[in-house]
Protein backbone atom coordinates (compact mmCIF):
# COMPACT_ATOMS: atom_id res chain seq x y z
CA UNK A 1 -36.14 -106.56 -18.79
CA UNK A 2 -33.24 -108.66 -20.10
CA UNK A 3 -32.08 -109.69 -23.13
CA UNK A 4 -29.25 -109.99 -25.94
CA UNK A 5 -31.43 -107.06 -28.19
CA UNK A 6 -29.63 -104.03 -28.57
CA UNK A 7 -30.70 -101.61 -26.30
CA UNK A 8 -32.11 -99.56 -28.15
CA UNK A 9 -34.34 -101.31 -29.27
CA UNK A 10 -35.01 -103.02 -25.98
CA UNK A 11 -35.76 -99.34 -24.87
CA UNK A 12 -37.55 -98.48 -28.73
CA UNK A 13 -39.85 -101.26 -27.29
CA UNK A 14 -40.57 -100.28 -24.25
CA UNK A 15 -41.55 -97.31 -24.55
CA UNK A 16 -44.27 -98.49 -27.50
CA UNK A 17 -45.18 -101.40 -24.57
CA UNK A 18 -45.82 -98.26 -21.88
CA UNK A 19 -48.50 -96.85 -23.69
CA UNK A 20 -50.23 -99.29 -25.01
CA UNK A 21 -49.98 -101.90 -22.09
CA UNK A 22 -53.81 -101.33 -21.11
CA UNK A 23 -54.70 -102.44 -24.16
CA UNK A 24 -52.95 -105.33 -23.95
CA UNK A 25 -53.07 -106.38 -20.95
CA UNK A 26 -57.43 -106.29 -21.61
CA UNK A 27 -55.91 -108.94 -25.12
CA UNK A 28 -54.56 -110.94 -23.39
CA UNK A 29 -57.26 -110.98 -20.43
CA UNK A 30 -59.87 -111.94 -23.41
CA UNK A 31 -57.53 -114.34 -23.82
CA UNK A 32 -57.63 -116.35 -21.45
CA UNK A 33 -61.40 -115.72 -19.81
CA UNK A 34 -62.84 -116.77 -23.32
CA UNK A 35 -60.31 -119.95 -23.10
CA UNK A 36 -58.06 -119.26 -25.82
CA UNK A 37 -54.56 -120.50 -24.55
CA UNK A 38 -54.02 -119.63 -20.94
CA UNK A 39 -51.05 -118.49 -22.43
CA UNK A 40 -51.05 -115.63 -24.51
CA UNK A 41 -48.38 -114.16 -26.66
CA UNK A 42 -47.67 -111.24 -28.41
CA UNK A 43 -45.13 -110.77 -30.99
CA UNK A 44 -43.20 -107.81 -31.66
CA UNK A 45 -42.12 -107.25 -35.45
CA UNK A 46 -40.79 -105.39 -37.76
CA UNK A 47 -41.26 -107.68 -40.47
CA UNK A 48 -44.09 -106.98 -42.84
CA UNK A 49 -44.25 -111.19 -43.93
CA UNK A 50 -44.81 -112.92 -39.94
CA UNK A 51 -47.54 -114.76 -40.06
CA UNK A 52 -47.29 -115.87 -36.25
CA UNK A 53 -50.65 -115.15 -34.87
CA UNK A 54 -53.17 -112.36 -36.32
CA UNK A 55 -52.09 -108.92 -36.63
CA UNK A 56 -53.98 -106.15 -34.15
CA UNK A 57 -54.80 -102.52 -34.54
CA UNK A 58 -51.61 -100.32 -33.91
CA UNK A 59 -52.96 -97.80 -31.32
CA UNK A 60 -49.74 -96.14 -32.37
CA UNK A 61 -50.41 -95.07 -36.25
CA UNK A 62 -46.28 -93.70 -35.45
CA UNK A 63 -44.56 -96.60 -34.21
CA UNK A 64 -42.70 -98.96 -36.41
CA UNK A 65 -43.58 -102.13 -34.63
CA UNK A 66 -46.12 -104.34 -35.59
CA UNK A 67 -48.25 -106.76 -32.97
CA UNK A 68 -49.87 -109.78 -33.39
CA UNK A 69 -51.42 -111.51 -30.22
CA UNK A 70 -50.34 -115.54 -30.15
CA UNK A 71 -50.20 -118.51 -28.15
CA UNK A 72 -48.43 -120.94 -26.90
CA UNK A 73 -49.99 -123.30 -28.41
CA UNK A 74 -49.66 -122.06 -31.61
CA UNK A 75 -46.13 -121.67 -31.32
CA UNK A 76 -45.91 -125.51 -30.58
CA UNK A 77 -47.83 -126.06 -33.79
CA UNK A 78 -45.42 -123.79 -35.60
CA UNK A 79 -42.39 -125.42 -33.90
CA UNK A 80 -41.27 -122.19 -32.65
CA UNK A 81 -40.59 -123.38 -28.93
CA UNK A 82 -39.20 -127.41 -29.28
CA UNK A 83 -41.68 -129.86 -27.36
CA UNK A 84 -39.13 -130.75 -24.72
CA UNK A 85 -38.54 -126.04 -23.98
CA UNK A 86 -42.67 -126.60 -23.13
CA UNK A 87 -42.94 -127.36 -19.42
CA UNK A 88 -40.05 -124.12 -18.86
CA UNK A 89 -42.05 -122.38 -20.63
CA UNK A 90 -45.21 -122.51 -18.69
CA UNK A 91 -42.47 -122.37 -15.51
CA UNK A 92 -41.12 -118.73 -16.26
CA UNK A 93 -44.71 -116.80 -17.33
CA UNK A 94 -45.95 -114.96 -15.53
CA UNK A 95 -50.21 -113.90 -14.57
CA UNK A 96 -50.96 -111.79 -17.39
CA UNK A 97 -52.61 -109.86 -15.49
CA UNK A 98 -48.69 -108.54 -13.83
CA UNK A 99 -46.61 -108.93 -16.97
CA UNK A 100 -47.33 -109.10 -20.63
CA UNK A 101 -45.30 -112.15 -22.48
CA UNK A 102 -43.50 -110.60 -25.40
CA UNK A 103 -41.58 -112.45 -28.49
CA UNK A 104 -39.44 -109.77 -30.22
CA UNK A 105 -39.11 -110.14 -33.58
CA UNK A 106 -35.52 -108.51 -34.77
CA UNK A 107 -34.31 -108.37 -38.27
CA UNK A 108 -33.31 -112.29 -39.45
CA UNK A 109 -31.89 -114.31 -37.02
CA UNK A 110 -32.78 -112.39 -34.41
CA UNK A 111 -35.96 -113.49 -31.32
CA UNK A 112 -36.81 -113.59 -27.41
CA UNK A 113 -38.81 -113.77 -25.65
CA UNK A 114 -39.82 -111.48 -22.79
CA UNK A 115 -41.62 -111.02 -19.39
CA UNK A 116 -42.67 -107.14 -19.30
CA UNK A 117 -43.86 -106.16 -16.00
CA UNK A 118 -46.81 -103.99 -16.13
CA UNK A 119 -46.22 -100.45 -14.69
CA UNK A 120 -49.42 -100.68 -12.72
CA UNK A 121 -51.11 -103.81 -10.90
CA UNK A 122 -54.48 -104.02 -12.96
């Protein structure tokens, strides 16, 4: 994963994702197969008042991270992704069976999209 997030935060997120990647992959696949969206996005954050997407149950009670599941259409509706960036996002989006699309929110000013490769080929 390449990002402007601090290395410590990135490593922490990666450990959390690796531990839960099968769970996240099942959710992403369901979003696509149920025709909710072709572009599921997992919002990983520490912000208790964050209102992007729907919270999903935390599989690690000790984790400092919370996860919401959202999708491209919500990001566009909420103007979190500008209209002129939609096609760029779609072109960059990776296969949900091979990559997890995450939007990391860290602090008031830090948010990044990342595509995290699963460690096995589902």
